[in-house]
Amino acid sequence: MNSLHIAWLMIRRTLGRKMGFITFLLLPCLVITGAVALFGSEQSARTVIPYVNEDGGWQGHG
């Protein structure tokens, strides 16, 4: 038996049960969705990154 076949059988056995489906698939999706909903607010303010251009060459302008 190759390892992919064994892995497929383990996944099917784990997710085939009701508790395995809830524990390994549904619960992590709900936790990630909740974390993104709480902490994933998008900021519209632009971030300013100051820098100093000390290059005096012809490509350093602009």
PDB file of N, CA and C in Angstrom:
ATOM      1  N   MET A   1       0.836  -1.186   0.000  1.00  0.00           N
ATOM      2  CA  MET A   1       0.000   0.000   0.000  1.00  0.00           C
ATOM      3  C   MET A   1       0.878   1.245   0.000  1.00  0.00           C
ATOM      4  N   ASN A   2       0.611   2.138  -0.892  1.00  0.00           N
ATOM      5  CA  ASN A   2       1.421   3.353  -0.893  1.00  0.00           C
ATOM      6  C   ASN A   2       0.902   4.357   0.140  1.00  0.00           C
ATOM      7  N   SER A   3       1.692   5.339   0.433  1.00  0.00           N
ATOM      8  CA  SER A   3       1.372   6.272   1.514  1.00  0.00           C
ATOM      9  C   SER A   3       0.161   7.143   1.192  1.00  0.00           C
ATOM     10  N   LEU A   4      -0.072   7.471  -0.080  1.00  0.00           N
ATOM     11  CA  LEU A   4      -1.245   8.272  -0.424  1.00  0.00           C
ATOM     12  C   LEU A   4      -2.537   7.514  -0.151  1.00  0.00           C
ATOM     13  N   HIS A   5      -2.520   6.227  -0.428  1.00  0.00           N
ATOM     14  CA  HIS A   5      -3.696   5.408  -0.174  1.00  0.00           C
ATOM     15  C   HIS A   5      -3.970   5.312   1.335  1.00  0.00           C
ATOM     16  N   ILE A   6      -2.920   5.132   2.119  1.00  0.00           N
ATOM     17  CA  ILE A   6      -3.064   5.075   3.572  1.00  0.00           C
ATOM     18  C   ILE A   6      -3.560   6.418   4.110  1.00  0.00           C
ATOM     19  N   ALA A   7      -3.022   7.515   3.597  1.00  0.00           N
ATOM     20  CA  ALA A   7      -3.457   8.837   4.042  1.00  0.00           C
ATOM     21  C   ALA A   7      -4.925   9.070   3.696  1.00  0.00           C
ATOM     22  N   TRP A   8      -5.327   8.659   2.502  1.00  0.00           N
ATOM     23  CA  TRP A   8      -6.723   8.822   2.102  1.00  0.00           C
ATOM     24  C   TRP A   8      -7.655   8.016   3.017  1.00  0.00           C
ATOM     25  N   LEU A   9      -7.262   6.811   3.375  1.00  0.00           N
ATOM     26  CA  LEU A   9      -8.083   6.000   4.269  1.00  0.00           C
ATOM     27  C   LEU A   9      -8.185   6.632   5.658  1.00  0.00           C
ATOM     28  N   MET A  10      -7.092   7.225   6.143  1.00  0.00           N
ATOM     29  CA  MET A  10      -7.134   7.877   7.460  1.00  0.00           C
ATOM     30  C   MET A  10      -8.016   9.121   7.430  1.00  0.00           C
ATOM     31  N   ILE A  11      -7.931   9.893   6.370  1.00  0.00           N
ATOM     32  CA  ILE A  11      -8.782  11.084   6.244  1.00  0.00           C
ATOM     33  C   ILE A  11     -10.243  10.679   6.155  1.00  0.00           C
ATOM     34  N   ARG A  12     -10.527   9.677   5.366  1.00  0.00           N
ATOM     35  CA  ARG A  12     -11.906   9.224   5.219  1.00  0.00           C
ATOM     36  C   ARG A  12     -12.454   8.686   6.537  1.00  0.00           C
ATOM     37  N   ARG A  13     -11.627   7.975   7.291  1.00  0.00           N
ATOM     38  CA  ARG A  13     -12.071   7.437   8.575  1.00  0.00           C
ATOM     39  C   ARG A  13     -12.283   8.555   9.590  1.00  0.00           C
ATOM     40  N   THR A  14     -11.402   9.548   9.592  1.00  0.00           N
ATOM     41  CA  THR A  14     -11.512  10.644  10.560  1.00  0.00           C
ATOM     42  C   THR A  14     -12.687  11.550  10.237  1.00  0.00           C
ATOM     43  N   LEU A  15     -12.810  11.972   8.991  1.00  0.00           N
ATOM     44  CA  LEU A  15     -13.871  12.900   8.616  1.00  0.00           C
ATOM     45  C   LEU A  15     -15.196  12.189   8.394  1.00  0.00           C
ATOM     46  N   GLY A  16     -15.195  10.892   8.329  1.00  0.00           N
ATOM     47  CA  GLY A  16     -16.427  10.148   8.136  1.00  0.00           C
ATOM     48  C   GLY A  16     -17.301  10.114   9.372  1.00  0.00           C
ATOM     49  N   ARG A  17     -16.699  10.309  10.524  1.00  0.00           N
ATOM     50  CA  ARG A  17     -17.466  10.350  11.766  1.00  0.00           C
ATOM     51  C   ARG A  17     -17.963  11.771  12.008  1.00  0.00           C
ATOM     52  N   LYS A  18     -19.065  11.869  12.740  1.00  0.00           N
ATOM     53  CA  LYS A  18     -19.635  13.186  13.016  1.00  0.00           C
ATOM     54  C   LYS A  18     -18.694  14.028  13.873  1.00  0.00           C
ATOM     55  N   MET A  19     -18.126  13.437  14.906  1.00  0.00           N
ATOM     56  CA  MET A  19     -17.220  14.173  15.785  1.00  0.00           C
ATOM     57  C   MET A  19     -15.923  14.554  15.068  1.00  0.00           C
ATOM     58  N   GLY A  20     -15.426  13.702  14.207  1.00  0.00           N
ATOM     59  CA  GLY A  20     -14.217  14.026  13.446  1.00  0.00           C
ATOM     60  C   GLY A  20     -14.447  15.170  12.483  1.00  0.00           C
ATOM     61  N   PHE A  21     -15.619  15.191  11.843  1.00  0.00           N
ATOM     62  CA  PHE A  21     -15.951  16.279  10.921  1.00  0.00           C
ATOM     63  C   PHE A  21     -16.032  17.602  11.663  1.00  0.00           C
ATOM     64  N   ILE A  22     -16.672  17.593  12.829  1.00  0.00           N
ATOM     65  CA  ILE A  22     -16.815  18.829  13.604  1.00  0.00           C
ATOM     66  C   ILE A  22     -15.460  19.291  14.131  1.00  0.00           C
ATOM     67  N   THR A  23     -14.661  18.355  14.643  1.00  0.00           N
ATOM     68  CA  THR A  23     -13.398  18.716  15.284  1.00  0.00           C
ATOM     69  C   THR A  23     -12.345  19.185  14.293  1.00  0.00           C
ATOM     70  N   PHE A  24     -12.214  18.509  13.173  1.00  0.00           N
ATOM     71  CA  PHE A  24     -11.099  18.788  12.266  1.00  0.00           C
ATOM     72  C   PHE A  24     -11.454  19.670  11.082  1.00  0.00           C
ATOM     73  N   LEU A  25     -12.730  19.892  10.813  1.00  0.00           N
ATOM     74  CA  LEU A  25     -13.087  20.695   9.654  1.00  0.00           C
ATOM     75  C   LEU A  25     -13.946  21.893  10.038  1.00  0.00           C
ATOM     76  N   LEU A  26     -15.033  21.665  10.737  1.00  0.00           N
ATOM     77  CA  LEU A  26     -15.976  22.733  11.026  1.00  0.00           C
ATOM     78  C   LEU A  26     -15.465  23.696  12.097  1.00  0.00           C
ATOM     79  N   LEU A  27     -14.935  23.182  13.182  1.00  0.00           N
ATOM     80  CA  LEU A  27     -14.458  24.028  14.281  1.00  0.00           C
ATOM     81  C   LEU A  27     -13.306  24.954  13.865  1.00  0.00           C
ATOM     82  N   PRO A  28     -12.268  24.474  13.166  1.00  0.00           N
ATOM     83  CA  PRO A  28     -11.217  25.416  12.727  1.00  0.00           C
ATOM     84  C   PRO A  28     -11.730  26.495  11.773  1.00  0.00           C
ATOM     85  N   CYS A  29     -12.676  26.153  10.915  1.00  0.00           N
ATOM     86  CA  CYS A  29     -13.252  27.161  10.012  1.00  0.00           C
ATOM     87  C   CYS A  29     -13.986  28.241  10.808  1.00  0.00           C
ATOM     88  N   LEU A  30     -14.723  27.833  11.828  1.00  0.00           N
ATOM     89  CA  LEU A  30     -15.444  28.803  12.644  1.00  0.00           C
ATOM     90  C   LEU A  30     -14.488  29.679  13.455  1.00  0.00           C
ATOM     91  N   VAL A  31     -13.415  29.099  13.965  1.00  0.00           N
ATOM     92  CA  VAL A  31     -12.442  29.876  14.743  1.00  0.00           C
ATOM     93  C   VAL A  31     -11.737  30.901  13.855  1.00  0.00           C
ATOM     94  N   ILE A  32     -11.334  30.505  12.680  1.00  0.00           N
ATOM     95  CA  ILE A  32     -10.661  31.436  11.762  1.00  0.00           C
ATOM     96  C   ILE A  32     -11.615  32.530  11.303  1.00  0.00           C
ATOM     97  N   THR A  33     -12.863  32.171  11.024  1.00  0.00           N
ATOM     98  CA  THR A  33     -13.854  33.172  10.622  1.00  0.00           C
ATOM     99  C   THR A  33     -14.083  34.185  11.737  1.00  0.00           C
ATOM    100  N   GLY A  34     -14.164  33.713  12.978  1.00  0.00           N
ATOM    101  CA  GLY A  34     -14.338  34.616  14.106  1.00  0.00           C
ATOM    102  C   GLY A  34     -13.145  35.532  14.310  1.00  0.00           C
ATOM    103  N   ALA A  35     -11.937  34.999  14.155  1.00  0.00           N
ATOM    104  CA  ALA A  35     -10.732  35.816  14.322  1.00  0.00           C
ATOM    105  C   ALA A  35     -10.652  36.893  13.246  1.00  0.00           C
ATOM    106  N   VAL A  36     -10.985  36.557  12.027  1.00  0.00           N
ATOM    107  CA  VAL A  36     -10.956  37.548  10.942  1.00  0.00           C
ATOM    108  C   VAL A  36     -12.032  38.601  11.163  1.00  0.00           C
ATOM    109  N   ALA A  37     -13.193  38.183  11.650  1.00  0.00           N
ATOM    110  CA  ALA A  37     -14.268  39.145  11.905  1.00  0.00           C
ATOM    111  C   ALA A  37     -13.899  40.112  13.026  1.00  0.00           C
ATOM    112  N   LEU A  38     -13.204  39.628  14.051  1.00  0.00           N
ATOM    113  CA  LEU A  38     -12.841  40.495  15.171  1.00  0.00           C
ATOM    114  C   LEU A  38     -11.639  41.383  14.884  1.00  0.00           C
ATOM    115  N   PHE A  39     -10.598  40.808  14.290  1.00  0.00           N
ATOM    116  CA  PHE A  39      -9.324  41.517  14.155  1.00  0.00           C
ATOM    117  C   PHE A  39      -8.982  41.918  12.724  1.00  0.00           C
ATOM    118  N   GLY A  40      -9.820  41.643  11.769  1.00  0.00           N
ATOM    119  CA  GLY A  40      -9.473  41.884  10.373  1.00  0.00           C
ATOM    120  C   GLY A  40     -10.018  43.166   9.805  1.00  0.00           C
ATOM    121  N   SER A  41     -10.146  44.191  10.623  1.00  0.00           N
ATOM    122  CA  SER A  41     -10.663  45.454  10.103  1.00  0.00           C
ATOM    123  C   SER A  41      -9.617  46.117   9.213  1.00  0.00           C
ATOM    124  N   GLU A  42     -10.071  46.639   8.116  1.00  0.00           N
ATOM    125  CA  GLU A  42      -9.159  47.264   7.157  1.00  0.00           C
ATOM    126  C   GLU A  42      -9.037  48.749   7.461  1.00  0.00           C
ATOM    127  N   GLN A  43      -7.828  49.226   7.536  1.00  0.00           N
ATOM    128  CA  GLN A  43      -7.583  50.635   7.812  1.00  0.00           C
ATOM    129  C   GLN A  43      -7.463  51.381   6.491  1.00  0.00           C
ATOM    130  N   SER A  44      -8.171  52.498   6.385  1.00  0.00           N
ATOM    131  CA  SER A  44      -8.122  53.269   5.148  1.00  0.00           C
ATOM    132  C   SER A  44      -7.027  54.330   5.180  1.00  0.00           C
ATOM    133  N   ALA A  45      -6.441  54.581   6.344  1.00  0.00           N
ATOM    134  CA  ALA A  45      -5.366  55.576   6.431  1.00  0.00           C
ATOM    135  C   ALA A  45      -4.102  55.022   5.776  1.00  0.00           C
ATOM    136  N   ARG A  46      -3.431  55.860   5.017  1.00  0.00           N
ATOM    137  CA  ARG A  46      -2.220  55.429   4.329  1.00  0.00           C
ATOM    138  C   ARG A  46      -1.035  55.512   5.273  1.00  0.00           C
ATOM    139  N   THR A  47      -0.140  54.576   5.158  1.00  0.00           N
ATOM    140  CA  THR A  47       1.068  54.562   5.966  1.00  0.00           C
ATOM    141  C   THR A  47       2.170  55.301   5.221  1.00  0.00           C
ATOM    142  N   VAL A  48       2.786  56.242   5.899  1.00  0.00           N
ATOM    143  CA  VAL A  48       3.867  57.023   5.307  1.00  0.00           C
ATOM    144  C   VAL A  48       5.188  56.422   5.767  1.00  0.00           C
ATOM    145  N   ILE A  49       6.031  56.080   4.815  1.00  0.00           N
ATOM    146  CA  ILE A  49       7.343  55.518   5.111  1.00  0.00           C
ATOM    147  C   ILE A  49       8.392  56.546   4.692  1.00  0.00           C
ATOM    148  N   PRO A  50       9.014  57.219   5.662  1.00  0.00           N
ATOM    149  CA  PRO A  50      10.012  58.226   5.307  1.00  0.00           C
ATOM    150  C   PRO A  50      11.327  57.568   4.871  1.00  0.00           C
ATOM    151  N   TYR A  51      11.987  58.180   3.895  1.00  0.00           N
ATOM    152  CA  TYR A  51      13.285  57.688   3.439  1.00  0.00           C
ATOM    153  C   TYR A  51      14.123  58.870   2.964  1.00  0.00           C
ATOM    154  N   VAL A  52      15.411  58.650   2.910  1.00  0.00           N
ATOM    155  CA  VAL A  52      16.341  59.665   2.451  1.00  0.00           C
ATOM    156  C   VAL A  52      17.061  59.120   1.230  1.00  0.00           C
ATOM    157  N   ASN A  53      17.010  59.858   0.142  1.00  0.00           N
ATOM    158  CA  ASN A  53      17.679  59.459  -1.079  1.00  0.00           C
ATOM    159  C   ASN A  53      18.951  60.290  -1.208  1.00  0.00           C
ATOM    160  N   GLU A  54      20.080  59.697  -0.898  1.00  0.00           N
ATOM    161  CA  GLU A  54      21.356  60.412  -0.968  1.00  0.00           C
ATOM    162  C   GLU A  54      22.140  60.051  -2.223  1.00  0.00           C
ATOM    163  N   ASP A  55      21.474  59.463  -3.181  1.00  0.00           N
ATOM    164  CA  ASP A  55      22.124  59.089  -4.422  1.00  0.00           C
ATOM    165  C   ASP A  55      22.179  60.317  -5.323  1.00  0.00           C
ATOM    166  N   GLY A  56      23.358  60.702  -5.732  1.00  0.00           N
ATOM    167  CA  GLY A  56      23.515  61.886  -6.570  1.00  0.00           C
ATOM    168  C   GLY A  56      23.581  61.570  -8.054  1.00  0.00           C
ATOM    169  N   GLY A  57      23.427  60.314  -8.404  1.00  0.00           N
ATOM    170  CA  GLY A  57      23.538  59.920  -9.799  1.00  0.00           C
ATOM    171  C   GLY A  57      22.304  60.284 -10.607  1.00  0.00           C
ATOM    172  N   TRP A  58      22.376  60.041 -11.917  1.00  0.00           N
ATOM    173  CA  TRP A  58      21.295  60.436 -12.805  1.00  0.00           C
ATOM    174  C   TRP A  58      20.065  59.554 -12.621  1.00  0.00           C
ATOM    175  N   GLN A  59      20.205  58.341 -12.078  1.00  0.00           N
ATOM    176  CA  GLN A  59      19.030  57.498 -11.847  1.00  0.00           C
ATOM    177  C   GLN A  59      18.451  57.692 -10.457  1.00  0.00           C
ATOM    178  N   GLY A  60      19.086  58.457  -9.620  1.00  0.00           N
ATOM    179  CA  GLY A  60      18.610  58.679  -8.274  1.00  0.00           C
ATOM    180  C   GLY A  60      17.614  59.809  -8.145  1.00  0.00           C
ATOM    181  N   HIS A  61      17.308  60.479  -9.218  1.00  0.00           N
ATOM    182  CA  HIS A  61      16.360  61.604  -9.175  1.00  0.00           C
ATOM    183  C   HIS A  61      14.944  61.062  -9.323  1.00  0.00           C
ATOM    184  N   GLY A  62      14.008  61.734  -8.705  1.00  0.00           N
ATOM    185  CA  GLY A  62      12.597  61.386  -8.880  1.00  0.00           C
ATOM    186  C   GLY A  62      12.080  60.702  -7.754  1.00  0.00           C
TER     187      GLY A  62
END
